[in-house]
Amino acid sequence: MKNNNNNEINHANFFYPEERLAVFIDGANLYAAAKNLDFDIDYKRLLSWISARSRLVRAFYYTALLEDQEYSPIRPLIDWLDYNGYTMITKPAKEFTDQTGRRKIKGNMDIELAIDMMEIAGHVDHIVLFSGDGDFRRLVESVQRRGVRVTVISTTRTQPPMVADELRRQADHFLDLHDLSAAIERAESNNSNQTSLTGVA
């Protein structure tokens, strides 16, 4: 039974200790959501929060990188995640000039995320997707047909909401990132090597 109303959710109602679970994080999308909610994510706490509620099989993190830069501002975070329980999926971002002459960066990871989710669907019971991108609605529907429950984590607390309505409706469950902030927020006094992520479109 779907529960898409975050105001009525008890997190324990749909996380089961015995189920196999995989996490998929759309890095740029999650960063934008957290930034709009004015907090930084502690990825160690996030992984601990998930692991305490299920049998975590894999946690994927997707982001694009500007390979031609001598130093990428997100490289420290990428390295930290890679050494601390996350499976990193990266690819070079493309820099281009739009019609107005402005330099922009494009690094869409949707295809990579979709392929990995379809491949792992037969080995898990539950998938948690950290993204509000409506392009994933059809992907979520496909893995649901394989018997996998899908929880989407994004936010409706921003204007406009970060989560697409069609994705929220398709998910078995929806959790608002705002409601998780107390459990996964990075404290100012945290001395870990995590670095705030600069989003790539």
C-alpha atoms as a PDB file:
ATOM      1  CA  MET A   1       0.000   0.000   0.000  1.00  0.00           C
ATOM      2  CA  LYS A   2       1.430   3.324  -1.047  1.00  0.00           C
ATOM      3  CA  ASN A   3       2.121   6.013   1.503  1.00  0.00           C
ATOM      4  CA  ASN A   4       3.019   9.254  -0.244  1.00  0.00           C
ATOM      5  CA  ASN A   5       1.948  11.684   2.468  1.00  0.00           C
ATOM      6  CA  ASN A   6       5.056  12.573   4.445  1.00  0.00           C
ATOM      7  CA  ASN A   7       2.928  14.196   7.174  1.00  0.00           C
ATOM      8  CA  GLU A   8       1.541  10.782   8.135  1.00  0.00           C
ATOM      9  CA  ILE A   9       4.706   8.732   7.807  1.00  0.00           C
ATOM     10  CA  ASN A  10       6.394   6.699  10.505  1.00  0.00           C
ATOM     11  CA  HIS A  11       9.757   5.745   8.979  1.00  0.00           C
ATOM     12  CA  ALA A  12       9.693   2.337  10.677  1.00  0.00           C
ATOM     13  CA  ASN A  13       6.480   1.393   8.888  1.00  0.00           C
ATOM     14  CA  PHE A  14       8.148   0.588   5.594  1.00  0.00           C
ATOM     15  CA  PHE A  15      11.768  -0.268   6.396  1.00  0.00           C
ATOM     16  CA  TYR A  16      12.155  -3.922   7.357  1.00  0.00           C
ATOM     17  CA  PRO A  17      15.347  -5.259   9.017  1.00  0.00           C
ATOM     18  CA  GLU A  18      15.375  -8.470   6.967  1.00  0.00           C
ATOM     19  CA  GLU A  19      14.954  -6.893   3.522  1.00  0.00           C
ATOM     20  CA  ARG A  20      17.791  -6.362   1.060  1.00  0.00           C
ATOM     21  CA  LEU A  21      18.061  -2.702   0.149  1.00  0.00           C
ATOM     22  CA  ALA A  22      19.978  -0.614  -2.380  1.00  0.00           C
ATOM     23  CA  VAL A  23      20.447   3.149  -2.332  1.00  0.00           C
ATOM     24  CA  PHE A  24      20.710   5.321  -5.446  1.00  0.00           C
ATOM     25  CA  ILE A  25      21.834   8.924  -4.977  1.00  0.00           C
ATOM     26  CA  ASP A  26      21.500  11.457  -7.783  1.00  0.00           C
ATOM     27  CA  GLY A  27      24.338  13.604  -6.472  1.00  0.00           C
ATOM     28  CA  ALA A  28      23.538  16.921  -8.138  1.00  0.00           C
ATOM     29  CA  ASN A  29      19.823  16.611  -7.407  1.00  0.00           C
ATOM     30  CA  LEU A  30      20.346  15.732  -3.742  1.00  0.00           C
ATOM     31  CA  TYR A  31      22.838  18.550  -3.331  1.00  0.00           C
ATOM     32  CA  ALA A  32      20.365  21.062  -4.778  1.00  0.00           C
ATOM     33  CA  ALA A  33      17.582  19.821  -2.501  1.00  0.00           C
ATOM     34  CA  ALA A  34      19.738  20.018   0.637  1.00  0.00           C
ATOM     35  CA  LYS A  35      21.065  23.444  -0.349  1.00  0.00           C
ATOM     36  CA  ASN A  36      17.519  24.753  -0.796  1.00  0.00           C
ATOM     37  CA  LEU A  37      16.675  23.369   2.650  1.00  0.00           C
ATOM     38  CA  ASP A  38      19.799  25.086   4.018  1.00  0.00           C
ATOM     39  CA  PHE A  39      21.706  22.124   5.423  1.00  0.00           C
ATOM     40  CA  ASP A  40      24.696  19.951   4.521  1.00  0.00           C
ATOM     41  CA  ILE A  41      24.437  16.175   4.450  1.00  0.00           C
ATOM     42  CA  ASP A  42      26.687  13.982   6.571  1.00  0.00           C
ATOM     43  CA  TYR A  43      27.063  10.978   4.287  1.00  0.00           C
ATOM     44  CA  LYS A  44      28.421   8.785   7.068  1.00  0.00           C
ATOM     45  CA  ARG A  45      25.294   9.450   9.121  1.00  0.00           C
ATOM     46  CA  LEU A  46      23.111   8.889   6.074  1.00  0.00           C
ATOM     47  CA  LEU A  47      24.642   5.458   5.469  1.00  0.00           C
ATOM     48  CA  SER A  48      24.286   4.575   9.149  1.00  0.00           C
ATOM     49  CA  TRP A  49      20.640   5.670   9.125  1.00  0.00           C
ATOM     50  CA  ILE A  50      19.889   3.398   6.167  1.00  0.00           C
ATOM     51  CA  SER A  51      21.960   0.459   7.452  1.00  0.00           C
ATOM     52  CA  ALA A  52      20.162   0.496  10.799  1.00  0.00           C
ATOM     53  CA  ARG A  53      16.858  -0.149   9.041  1.00  0.00           C
ATOM     54  CA  SER A  54      17.681  -2.910   6.570  1.00  0.00           C
ATOM     55  CA  ARG A  55      20.323  -5.172   5.039  1.00  0.00           C
ATOM     56  CA  LEU A  56      22.133  -2.675   2.855  1.00  0.00           C
ATOM     57  CA  VAL A  57      23.447  -4.338  -0.306  1.00  0.00           C
ATOM     58  CA  ARG A  58      24.912  -1.320  -2.094  1.00  0.00           C
ATOM     59  CA  ALA A  59      24.846   2.475  -1.980  1.00  0.00           C
ATOM     60  CA  PHE A  60      25.463   4.132  -5.353  1.00  0.00           C
ATOM     61  CA  TYR A  61      26.396   7.788  -5.747  1.00  0.00           C
ATOM     62  CA  TYR A  62      26.265   9.447  -9.191  1.00  0.00           C
ATOM     63  CA  THR A  63      27.947  12.680 -10.211  1.00  0.00           C
ATOM     64  CA  ALA A  64      29.710  14.238 -13.176  1.00  0.00           C
ATOM     65  CA  LEU A  65      33.170  15.795 -12.897  1.00  0.00           C
ATOM     66  CA  LEU A  66      35.023  18.459 -14.843  1.00  0.00           C
ATOM     67  CA  GLU A  67      38.049  16.390 -15.763  1.00  0.00           C
ATOM     68  CA  ASP A  68      40.047  19.249 -17.302  1.00  0.00           C
ATOM     69  CA  GLN A  69      40.249  21.175 -14.048  1.00  0.00           C
ATOM     70  CA  GLU A  70      43.462  20.834 -12.054  1.00  0.00           C
ATOM     71  CA  TYR A  71      41.387  20.666  -8.896  1.00  0.00           C
ATOM     72  CA  SER A  72      37.722  19.803  -8.663  1.00  0.00           C
ATOM     73  CA  PRO A  73      35.916  21.218  -5.598  1.00  0.00           C
ATOM     74  CA  ILE A  74      34.023  17.955  -5.182  1.00  0.00           C
ATOM     75  CA  ARG A  75      37.038  15.637  -5.516  1.00  0.00           C
ATOM     76  CA  PRO A  76      37.609  15.390  -1.726  1.00  0.00           C
ATOM     77  CA  LEU A  77      33.991  14.333  -1.244  1.00  0.00           C
ATOM     78  CA  ILE A  78      34.190  11.804  -4.080  1.00  0.00           C
ATOM     79  CA  ASP A  79      37.345  10.275  -2.589  1.00  0.00           C
ATOM     80  CA  TRP A  80      35.820  10.173   0.901  1.00  0.00           C
ATOM     81  CA  LEU A  81      32.652   8.453  -0.322  1.00  0.00           C
ATOM     82  CA  ASP A  82      34.704   5.963  -2.328  1.00  0.00           C
ATOM     83  CA  TYR A  83      36.597   4.886   0.800  1.00  0.00           C
ATOM     84  CA  ASN A  84      33.572   4.878   3.117  1.00  0.00           C
ATOM     85  CA  GLY A  85      31.000   2.462   1.808  1.00  0.00           C
ATOM     86  CA  TYR A  86      29.684   4.129  -1.349  1.00  0.00           C
ATOM     87  CA  THR A  87      30.000   2.886  -4.925  1.00  0.00           C
ATOM     88  CA  MET A  88      30.974   5.930  -6.970  1.00  0.00           C
ATOM     89  CA  ILE A  89      29.728   6.318 -10.531  1.00  0.00           C
ATOM     90  CA  THR A  90      31.256   9.309 -12.306  1.00  0.00           C
ATOM     91  CA  LYS A  91      31.771  10.576 -15.827  1.00  0.00           C
ATOM     92  CA  PRO A  92      33.269  13.711 -17.387  1.00  0.00           C
ATOM     93  CA  ALA A  93      30.963  16.724 -17.434  1.00  0.00           C
ATOM     94  CA  LYS A  94      30.690  18.721 -20.636  1.00  0.00           C
ATOM     95  CA  GLU A  95      31.168  22.467 -20.650  1.00  0.00           C
ATOM     96  CA  PHE A  96      29.423  24.463 -23.365  1.00  0.00           C
ATOM     97  CA  THR A  97      28.265  27.962 -24.270  1.00  0.00           C
ATOM     98  CA  ASP A  98      24.518  28.521 -24.634  1.00  0.00           C
ATOM     99  CA  GLN A  99      22.743  30.851 -27.065  1.00  0.00           C
ATOM    100  CA  THR A 100      23.179  33.819 -24.732  1.00  0.00           C
ATOM    101  CA  GLY A 101      26.930  33.291 -24.523  1.00  0.00           C
ATOM    102  CA  ARG A 102      26.893  31.936 -20.988  1.00  0.00           C
ATOM    103  CA  ARG A 103      29.160  29.049 -20.066  1.00  0.00           C
ATOM    104  CA  LYS A 104      27.247  26.074 -18.687  1.00  0.00           C
ATOM    105  CA  ILE A 105      28.061  22.594 -17.465  1.00  0.00           C
ATOM    106  CA  LYS A 106      26.129  19.482 -18.435  1.00  0.00           C
ATOM    107  CA  GLY A 107      26.618  16.122 -16.772  1.00  0.00           C
ATOM    108  CA  ASN A 108      23.488  13.997 -16.862  1.00  0.00           C
ATOM    109  CA  MET A 109      23.857  10.628 -15.102  1.00  0.00           C
ATOM    110  CA  ASP A 110      20.305   9.347 -15.688  1.00  0.00           C
ATOM    111  CA  ILE A 111      21.299   6.531 -18.055  1.00  0.00           C
ATOM    112  CA  GLU A 112      23.999   5.186 -15.751  1.00  0.00           C
ATOM    113  CA  LEU A 113      21.662   5.236 -12.771  1.00  0.00           C
ATOM    114  CA  ALA A 114      18.860   3.544 -14.722  1.00  0.00           C
ATOM    115  CA  ILE A 115      21.103   0.708 -15.974  1.00  0.00           C
ATOM    116  CA  ASP A 116      22.473  -0.008 -12.509  1.00  0.00           C
ATOM    117  CA  MET A 117      19.022   0.033 -10.925  1.00  0.00           C
ATOM    118  CA  MET A 118      17.619  -2.409 -13.487  1.00  0.00           C
ATOM    119  CA  GLU A 119      20.615  -4.724 -13.015  1.00  0.00           C
ATOM    120  CA  ILE A 120      20.321  -4.861  -9.225  1.00  0.00           C
ATOM    121  CA  ALA A 121      16.515  -5.054  -9.107  1.00  0.00           C
ATOM    122  CA  GLY A 122      16.575  -8.854  -9.125  1.00  0.00           C
ATOM    123  CA  HIS A 123      18.805  -8.954  -6.049  1.00  0.00           C
ATOM    124  CA  VAL A 124      17.021  -6.550  -3.671  1.00  0.00           C
ATOM    125  CA  ASP A 125      13.615  -6.086  -2.062  1.00  0.00           C
ATOM    126  CA  HIS A 126      13.650  -2.319  -1.635  1.00  0.00           C
ATOM    127  CA  ILE A 127      15.300   0.588  -3.456  1.00  0.00           C
ATOM    128  CA  VAL A 128      15.727   4.063  -1.997  1.00  0.00           C
ATOM    129  CA  LEU A 129      16.137   6.785  -4.613  1.00  0.00           C
ATOM    130  CA  PHE A 130      17.489  10.158  -3.524  1.00  0.00           C
ATOM    131  CA  SER A 131      16.204  12.300  -6.375  1.00  0.00           C
ATOM    132  CA  GLY A 132      13.186  14.328  -7.377  1.00  0.00           C
ATOM    133  CA  ASP A 133      13.768  14.022 -11.129  1.00  0.00           C
ATOM    134  CA  GLY A 134      10.531  13.180 -12.943  1.00  0.00           C
ATOM    135  CA  ASP A 135      12.528  11.412 -15.667  1.00  0.00           C
ATOM    136  CA  PHE A 136      12.895   8.483 -13.244  1.00  0.00           C
ATOM    137  CA  ARG A 137       9.147   7.800 -13.030  1.00  0.00           C
ATOM    138  CA  ARG A 138       9.203   5.144 -15.759  1.00  0.00           C
ATOM    139  CA  LEU A 139      12.307   3.547 -14.243  1.00  0.00           C
ATOM    140  CA  VAL A 140      10.609   3.306 -10.855  1.00  0.00           C
ATOM    141  CA  GLU A 141       7.576   1.715 -12.471  1.00  0.00           C
ATOM    142  CA  SER A 142       9.778  -0.858 -14.212  1.00  0.00           C
ATOM    143  CA  VAL A 143      11.518  -2.039 -11.036  1.00  0.00           C
ATOM    144  CA  GLN A 144       8.204  -2.111  -9.191  1.00  0.00           C
ATOM    145  CA  ARG A 145       6.951  -4.594 -11.788  1.00  0.00           C
ATOM    146  CA  ARG A 146       9.806  -6.844 -10.713  1.00  0.00           C
ATOM    147  CA  GLY A 147       8.458  -6.872  -7.177  1.00  0.00           C
ATOM    148  CA  VAL A 148      10.761  -4.224  -5.741  1.00  0.00           C
ATOM    149  CA  ARG A 149       9.396  -1.506  -3.482  1.00  0.00           C
ATOM    150  CA  VAL A 150      10.709   1.997  -4.151  1.00  0.00           C
ATOM    151  CA  THR A 151      11.047   4.871  -1.695  1.00  0.00           C
ATOM    152  CA  VAL A 152      11.785   8.326  -3.113  1.00  0.00           C
ATOM    153  CA  ILE A 153      13.537  10.894  -0.938  1.00  0.00           C
ATOM    154  CA  SER A 154      13.432  14.536  -2.027  1.00  0.00           C
ATOM    155  CA  THR A 155      11.469  17.552  -0.823  1.00  0.00           C
ATOM    156  CA  THR A 156       8.208  19.421  -1.267  1.00  0.00           C
ATOM    157  CA  ARG A 157       9.277  22.121   1.202  1.00  0.00           C
ATOM    158  CA  THR A 158      10.869  24.316  -1.487  1.00  0.00           C
ATOM    159  CA  GLN A 159       9.221  26.636  -3.991  1.00  0.00           C
ATOM    160  CA  PRO A 160       8.787  25.088  -6.448  1.00  0.00           C
ATOM    161  CA  PRO A 161       8.996  21.576  -4.937  1.00  0.00           C
ATOM    162  CA  MET A 162      12.208  19.711  -5.819  1.00  0.00           C
ATOM    163  CA  VAL A 163      10.332  16.445  -6.399  1.00  0.00           C
ATOM    164  CA  ALA A 164       8.274  15.965  -9.549  1.00  0.00           C
ATOM    165  CA  ASP A 165       4.667  15.119  -8.768  1.00  0.00           C
ATOM    166  CA  GLU A 166       4.649  12.159 -11.166  1.00  0.00           C
ATOM    167  CA  LEU A 167       7.685  10.606  -9.461  1.00  0.00           C
ATOM    168  CA  ARG A 168       6.190  11.074  -6.012  1.00  0.00           C
ATOM    169  CA  ARG A 169       2.923   9.461  -7.112  1.00  0.00           C
ATOM    170  CA  GLN A 170       4.721   6.489  -8.666  1.00  0.00           C
ATOM    171  CA  ALA A 171       6.839   5.730  -5.596  1.00  0.00           C
ATOM    172  CA  ASP A 172       5.574   3.247  -3.032  1.00  0.00           C
ATOM    173  CA  HIS A 173       6.677   5.663  -0.326  1.00  0.00           C
ATOM    174  CA  PHE A 174       7.882   9.245  -0.211  1.00  0.00           C
ATOM    175  CA  LEU A 175      10.080  10.756   2.484  1.00  0.00           C
ATOM    176  CA  ASP A 176      10.724  14.476   2.646  1.00  0.00           C
ATOM    177  CA  LEU A 177      14.424  15.274   2.991  1.00  0.00           C
ATOM    178  CA  HIS A 178      13.490  18.022   5.436  1.00  0.00           C
ATOM    179  CA  ASP A 179      12.083  15.420   7.836  1.00  0.00           C
ATOM    180  CA  LEU A 180      15.383  13.496   7.752  1.00  0.00           C
ATOM    181  CA  SER A 181      17.616  16.484   8.417  1.00  0.00           C
ATOM    182  CA  ALA A 182      17.955  15.775  12.145  1.00  0.00           C
ATOM    183  CA  ALA A 183      19.233  12.270  11.364  1.00  0.00           C
ATOM    184  CA  ILE A 184      21.595  13.053   8.470  1.00  0.00           C
ATOM    185  CA  GLU A 185      22.648  16.703   8.837  1.00  0.00           C
ATOM    186  CA  ARG A 186      26.354  17.457   9.054  1.00  0.00           C
ATOM    187  CA  ALA A 187      27.182  19.331  12.253  1.00  0.00           C
ATOM    188  CA  GLU A 188      29.435  22.374  12.021  1.00  0.00           C
ATOM    189  CA  SER A 189      31.803  20.734  14.490  1.00  0.00           C
ATOM    190  CA  ASN A 190      32.143  17.603  12.360  1.00  0.00           C
ATOM    191  CA  ASN A 191      35.846  17.159  11.620  1.00  0.00           C
ATOM    192  CA  SER A 192      35.446  14.541   8.892  1.00  0.00           C
ATOM    193  CA  ASN A 193      36.940  15.035   5.468  1.00  0.00           C
ATOM    194  CA  GLN A 194      33.546  15.387   3.833  1.00  0.00           C
ATOM    195  CA  THR A 195      33.215  18.415   1.596  1.00  0.00           C
ATOM    196  CA  SER A 196      30.022  20.129   0.508  1.00  0.00           C
ATOM    197  CA  LEU A 197      29.149  19.084  -3.026  1.00  0.00           C
ATOM    198  CA  THR A 198      29.012  21.570  -5.844  1.00  0.00           C
ATOM    199  CA  GLY A 199      26.190  20.482  -8.123  1.00  0.00           C
ATOM    200  CA  VAL A 200      26.561  19.740 -11.810  1.00  0.00           C
ATOM    201  CA  ALA A 201      23.485  20.162 -14.000  1.00  0.00           C
END
